[in-house]
Protein backbone atom coordinates (compact mmCIF):
# COMPACT_ATOMS: atom_id res chain seq x y z
CA MET A 1 131.28 -13.27 -24.20
CA ARG A 2 133.89 -14.67 -21.86
CA GLU A 3 135.10 -17.05 -24.63
CA MET A 4 135.31 -14.09 -27.09
CA ALA A 5 137.35 -12.17 -24.59
CA LYS A 6 139.74 -15.07 -24.15
CA ALA A 7 140.06 -15.43 -27.96
CA LYS A 8 140.74 -11.72 -28.38
CA SER A 9 143.38 -11.84 -25.64
CA LYS A 10 145.06 -14.86 -27.31
CA VAL A 11 145.14 -13.11 -30.67
CA SER A 12 146.62 -9.98 -29.11
CA LYS A 13 149.39 -11.91 -27.41
CA THR A 14 150.16 -13.79 -30.57
CA ALA A 15 150.43 -10.53 -32.48
CA GLU A 16 152.72 -9.07 -29.85
CA THR A 17 155.07 -12.10 -29.87
CA GLU A 18 154.96 -12.86 -33.57
CA PRO A 19 158.35 -11.78 -35.00
CA LYS A 20 158.19 -9.14 -37.73
CA VAL A 21 160.38 -9.40 -40.76
CA HIS A 22 161.46 -6.26 -42.68
CA ASP A 23 158.37 -4.39 -41.52
CA GLU A 24 160.22 -1.12 -41.74
CA TRP A 25 161.05 -1.79 -45.37
CA GLN A 26 157.67 -2.91 -46.60
CA VAL A 27 156.72 0.27 -48.43
CA GLY A 28 153.15 0.39 -49.77
CA GLU A 29 152.05 2.12 -52.95
CA ASP A 30 150.40 4.91 -51.10
CA ASP A 31 153.19 5.57 -48.64
CA ASP A 32 154.94 8.95 -48.96
CA LEU A 33 158.34 8.13 -50.35
CA SER A 34 159.37 11.69 -50.74
CA ILE A 35 160.41 12.21 -47.08
CA GLY A 36 164.18 12.45 -46.98
CA ASP A 37 164.41 12.87 -50.80
CA THR A 38 166.04 9.44 -51.15
CA ASN A 39 165.34 9.13 -54.87
CA LEU A 40 165.06 5.36 -54.42
CA THR A 41 162.19 3.14 -55.54
CA PRO A 42 160.31 0.93 -53.02
CA GLU A 43 162.16 -2.09 -54.44
CA GLN A 44 165.57 -0.42 -53.90
CA ARG A 45 164.60 0.46 -50.33
CA ARG A 46 163.60 -3.17 -49.60
CA LEU A 47 166.88 -4.23 -51.15
CA LEU A 48 168.80 -2.00 -48.76
CA GLY A 49 166.86 -3.49 -45.85
CA SER A 50 167.69 -7.04 -46.92
CA VAL A 51 171.39 -6.28 -47.48
CA SER A 52 171.61 -4.39 -44.21
CA ARG A 53 170.23 -7.39 -42.32
CA PHE A 54 172.67 -9.69 -44.11
CA LEU A 55 175.68 -7.49 -43.30
CA LEU A 56 174.75 -7.18 -39.66
CA ASN A 57 174.30 -10.93 -39.16
CA ILE A 58 176.58 -12.85 -41.49
CA SER A 59 179.61 -12.51 -39.16
CA GLU A 60 177.90 -14.70 -36.50
CA ARG A 61 179.97 -17.79 -35.74
CA LYS A 62 177.21 -20.21 -36.64
CA LEU A 63 176.57 -18.57 -40.06
CA LEU A 64 179.91 -17.33 -41.38
CA PRO A 65 181.79 -20.63 -41.98
CA ARG A 66 179.15 -21.90 -44.45
CA ALA A 67 179.29 -18.66 -46.30
CA LEU A 68 183.11 -18.83 -46.56
CA ARG A 69 182.93 -22.41 -47.86
CA ALA A 70 180.53 -21.11 -50.53
CA GLY A 71 183.14 -18.61 -51.69
CA TYR A 72 182.09 -15.55 -49.73
CA SER A 73 185.23 -13.56 -48.74
CA GLU A 74 186.53 -10.56 -46.93
CA GLU A 75 186.85 -8.83 -50.27
CA GLU A 76 183.25 -9.56 -51.23
CA HIS A 77 182.04 -8.51 -47.79
CA GLY A 78 183.85 -5.18 -48.11
CA ALA A 79 182.50 -4.58 -51.58
CA LEU A 80 178.92 -5.27 -50.39
CA TRP A 81 179.36 -2.84 -47.50
CA GLU A 82 180.69 -0.14 -49.81
CA LEU A 83 177.82 -0.56 -52.34
CA HIS A 84 175.28 -0.60 -49.55
CA ASP A 85 176.60 2.63 -48.00
CA VAL A 86 176.69 4.55 -51.25
CA ALA A 87 173.29 3.24 -52.37
CA ALA A 88 171.93 4.39 -48.97
CA GLY A 89 173.20 7.93 -49.68
CA ARG A 90 176.29 8.12 -47.49
CA GLN A 91 178.04 10.42 -49.94
CA LYS A 92 175.10 12.86 -50.31
CA PRO A 93 175.64 16.15 -48.50
CA LEU A 94 172.95 17.35 -46.15
CA ALA A 95 170.50 19.55 -48.07
CA LYS A 96 171.72 23.12 -48.29
CA THR A 97 169.60 23.98 -51.31
CA LEU A 98 166.51 25.12 -49.36
CA GLY A 99 168.33 28.37 -48.77
CA ALA A 100 168.60 30.16 -45.48
CA ASP A 101 166.96 33.21 -47.02
CA LEU A 102 163.70 31.38 -47.75
CA ASP A 103 160.86 32.14 -45.36
CA PRO A 104 158.86 29.13 -43.99
CA VAL A 105 156.00 29.59 -46.45
CA ARG A 106 158.34 29.52 -49.51
CA LYS A 107 160.21 26.59 -48.12
CA GLU A 108 156.91 24.69 -47.71
CA LEU A 109 156.03 25.46 -51.34
CA LEU A 110 159.40 24.13 -52.50
CA VAL A 111 158.87 20.91 -50.55
CA GLU A 112 155.35 20.51 -52.01
CA ILE A 113 156.71 20.88 -55.54
CA ASP A 114 159.46 18.36 -54.82
CA GLN A 115 156.93 15.87 -53.43
CA PHE A 116 154.83 16.34 -56.60
CA GLU A 117 157.90 15.58 -58.69
CA ASN A 118 158.82 12.44 -56.61
CA LEU A 119 155.24 11.17 -56.92
CA TRP A 120 154.69 11.57 -60.61
CA PHE A 121 158.16 10.59 -61.78
CA ARG A 122 157.37 7.31 -60.12
CA ARG A 123 153.76 6.89 -61.27
CA ILE A 124 153.89 7.89 -64.90
CA PRO A 125 156.21 5.19 -66.34
CA PRO A 126 153.94 2.26 -65.26
CA ILE A 127 150.98 4.05 -66.77
CA ILE A 128 152.75 4.46 -70.09
CA GLU A 129 153.86 0.84 -70.01
CA ARG A 130 150.30 -0.32 -69.43
CA TYR A 131 148.34 1.87 -71.81
CA VAL A 132 150.70 2.45 -74.73
CA PRO A 133 150.90 -0.38 -77.39
CA GLU A 134 153.80 -2.63 -76.38
CA GLU A 135 155.76 -2.02 -79.57
CA HIS A 136 155.78 1.75 -78.93
CA VAL A 137 156.43 1.80 -75.11
CA GLU A 138 160.22 2.21 -75.35
CA ALA A 139 160.01 5.05 -77.86
CA PHE A 140 157.23 6.72 -75.92
CA LEU A 141 159.18 6.67 -72.66
CA SER A 142 162.27 7.94 -74.38
CA GLU A 143 160.43 10.90 -75.93
CA PHE A 144 158.40 11.72 -72.87
CA PHE A 145 161.42 11.84 -70.55
CA LYS A 146 163.83 13.34 -73.04
CA ASP A 147 165.86 16.02 -71.19
CA LEU A 148 163.54 15.44 -68.23
CA VAL A 149 165.48 14.24 -65.18
CA GLN A 150 164.35 14.20 -61.58
CA GLN A 151 166.22 16.74 -59.48
CA PRO A 152 167.35 16.84 -55.85
CA LEU A 153 165.37 19.08 -53.53
CA GLY A 154 166.30 22.64 -54.55
CA PRO A 155 166.03 25.10 -57.43
CA GLY A 156 166.22 22.35 -60.06
CA VAL A 157 162.81 20.96 -59.19
CA LEU A 158 161.15 24.17 -60.42
CA ASP A 159 162.45 23.52 -63.93
CA SER A 160 161.82 19.72 -63.89
CA VAL A 161 158.25 20.04 -62.65
CA SER A 162 157.55 22.85 -65.18
CA LYS A 163 158.81 20.64 -67.96
CA LEU A 164 156.78 17.67 -66.63
CA LEU A 165 153.60 19.75 -66.60
CA ASP A 166 154.28 20.91 -70.21
CA ARG A 167 155.02 17.32 -71.26
CA VAL A 168 151.73 16.04 -69.82
CA ASP A 169 149.74 18.92 -71.37
CA GLY A 170 151.37 18.12 -74.75
CA LEU A 171 149.78 14.67 -74.75
CA ALA A 172 146.47 16.24 -75.70
CA ASN A 173 147.81 17.11 -79.18
CA SER A 174 150.41 14.34 -79.47
CA SER A 175 150.53 11.89 -82.35
CA TRP A 176 152.28 9.33 -80.19
CA PRO A 177 150.40 6.06 -80.14
CA GLY A 178 148.49 5.77 -76.83
CA ALA A 179 149.12 9.44 -75.84
CA ALA A 180 145.40 10.23 -75.49
CA GLN A 181 144.78 7.23 -73.32
CA VAL A 182 147.74 7.97 -71.06
CA LEU A 183 146.50 11.57 -70.61
CA LYS A 184 142.95 10.26 -69.84
CA ILE A 185 144.32 7.97 -67.16
CA LEU A 186 146.54 10.69 -65.65
CA ARG A 187 143.53 13.04 -65.38
CA LYS A 188 141.52 10.30 -63.67
CA ARG A 189 144.34 9.70 -61.22
CA ASN A 190 144.45 13.24 -60.02
CA PHE A 191 146.96 14.82 -62.41
CA THR A 192 144.13 17.17 -63.23
CA GLU A 193 144.29 20.49 -65.05
CA GLU A 194 143.35 22.17 -61.81
CA ASN A 195 146.19 20.52 -59.88
CA ALA A 196 148.59 21.31 -62.72
CA ALA A 197 147.52 24.98 -62.62
CA SER A 198 147.97 25.04 -58.83
CA MET A 199 151.51 23.65 -59.23
CA ARG A 200 152.38 26.22 -61.88
CA ALA A 201 151.16 28.99 -59.50
CA LYS A 202 153.40 27.69 -56.76
CA ILE A 203 156.38 27.56 -59.15
CA LYS A 204 155.65 31.14 -60.24
CA THR A 205 155.54 32.29 -56.60
CA LEU A 206 158.97 30.78 -55.89
CA ARG A 207 160.46 32.30 -59.00
CA GLU A 208 159.38 35.83 -58.04
CA LYS A 209 161.46 38.05 -55.76
CA GLY A 210 164.77 36.58 -56.76
CA GLY A 211 163.70 32.96 -56.94
CA ILE A 212 165.73 30.31 -55.26
CA THR A 213 169.49 30.16 -55.55
CA ALA A 214 172.00 27.56 -54.70
CA PRO A 215 175.81 27.68 -55.17
CA VAL A 216 176.80 26.08 -58.43
CA ASP A 217 179.39 23.97 -56.76
CA ASP A 218 176.85 22.69 -54.19
CA ALA A 219 174.38 21.78 -57.03
CA LYS A 220 177.19 19.88 -58.84
CA VAL A 221 178.09 18.00 -55.71
CA GLN A 222 174.49 16.96 -55.13
CA ALA A 223 174.00 15.95 -58.73
CA ASN A 224 177.18 13.86 -58.65
CA ALA A 225 176.18 12.31 -55.31
CA LEU A 226 172.77 11.35 -56.74
CA ALA A 227 174.31 9.74 -59.81
CA GLN A 228 176.63 7.73 -57.57
CA GLN A 229 173.72 6.61 -55.38
CA LEU A 230 171.63 5.36 -58.30
CA ALA A 231 174.58 3.60 -59.93
CA ALA A 232 175.41 1.89 -56.61
CA ALA A 233 171.84 0.82 -56.17
CA THR A 234 171.88 -0.83 -59.57
CA GLU A 235 175.15 -2.57 -58.91
CA LEU A 236 174.12 -3.61 -55.40
CA ARG A 237 171.08 -5.44 -56.89
CA LYS A 238 173.36 -7.45 -59.22
CA VAL A 239 175.82 -8.34 -56.39
CA TRP A 240 172.94 -9.24 -54.06
CA ASN A 241 171.15 -11.42 -56.62
CA ASP A 242 174.46 -13.26 -57.09
CA TRP A 243 175.23 -13.93 -53.48
CA SER A 244 171.66 -14.49 -52.29
CA THR A 245 171.30 -17.20 -54.97
CA MET A 246 174.57 -18.81 -53.86
CA LEU A 247 173.82 -18.73 -50.13
CA ARG A 248 170.12 -19.58 -49.80
CA PRO A 249 170.54 -23.38 -50.21
CA ILE A 250 173.00 -23.67 -47.28
CA TYR A 251 170.82 -22.07 -44.56
CA ASN A 252 167.59 -23.23 -42.88
CA GLY A 253 164.42 -21.16 -42.74
CA ASN A 254 165.13 -19.18 -39.56
CA GLU A 255 168.64 -18.44 -40.74
CA LEU A 256 167.32 -17.23 -44.11
CA LEU A 257 165.01 -14.79 -42.29
CA GLN A 258 167.84 -13.66 -40.00
CA LEU A 259 170.07 -12.96 -43.01
CA GLY A 260 167.50 -11.14 -45.04
CA LEU A 261 167.57 -13.88 -47.69
CA ALA A 262 163.84 -14.62 -47.35
CA THR A 263 160.68 -13.13 -45.99
CA ARG A 264 158.04 -14.75 -43.89
CA THR A 265 154.73 -15.52 -45.50
CA GLY A 266 151.52 -16.83 -43.91
CA GLY A 267 151.87 -17.58 -40.18
CA GLY A 268 149.84 -16.03 -37.42
CA ALA A 269 147.65 -17.71 -34.87
CA GLY A 270 146.83 -21.31 -35.76
CA GLY A 271 148.95 -21.21 -38.88
CA SER A 272 152.47 -22.14 -39.88
CA ASP A 273 155.22 -19.90 -41.12
CA GLU A 274 156.78 -20.35 -44.53
CA GLU A 275 159.78 -18.61 -46.05
CA GLU A 276 160.08 -17.43 -49.61
CA PRO A 277 163.14 -15.97 -51.33
CA ILE A 278 163.19 -12.27 -51.72
CA ASP A 279 162.84 -10.94 -55.27
CA GLU A 280 163.99 -7.35 -55.12
CA GLY A 281 163.16 -6.62 -58.74
CA SER A 282 165.22 -4.67 -61.12
CA GLY A 283 164.23 -1.21 -59.95
CA ASN A 284 164.08 1.73 -62.31
CA PRO A 285 166.54 4.49 -61.27
CA SER A 286 165.78 6.55 -64.33
CA ALA A 287 162.17 6.94 -63.27
CA ASN A 288 162.79 7.89 -59.65
């Protein structure tokens, strides 16, 4: 027992002292990504974490000279900062679309509908890509999401979720290749008829008694800000892929971790740490 206690103590101390890399950016599939209404995919969030780490550390005297010799410049540094800030949502106004006239219960309903939208706009495309015959996937996605765009938190989500519910129901009678299988999988994964009916009831409640209103100008500002954010996230990935590929060979393992150019794999008590380059993926802003 005494040996077990010592071993447990050793493991605990190792866990406490073992450095963590990007923990705050490692978003799991089941994590609630709707908080804050960021409209970013998990890959885009991890990308922001990596770029942020790089920007905060690259100016160190031991790191910067090698980057400069590789062609990194003040101009490139400024462009990376600008893309990072816009992709992080700097230009997005604080949400005014909840409406001061909404009581707490109606506000809660609006948030629930928005979370439903965030969840299923993210989940449905991979299901389509998996269960629809490959040669029909692109056309299927195009038709399914035609005139169906995710909306910022506010009145627009009532229309987008209503349309999403109709589009899923329509799969039952659709002639699209794979439509029946997609619907079957959605029902198995909790996009059930009961949950759809519950969501429709919540939408109906919010549309009664005057519904939810937001100034047209404010809605336009938010829509434009969202478009800028998603465009910046796409461009940021391209720039980051360019510079991370250029800079990785000139830094050692610990420096790569410090700069967000790699993540730690393995490690722990009795093991060794290895670094692997970060592959942020392409993201899918249209499916956010």
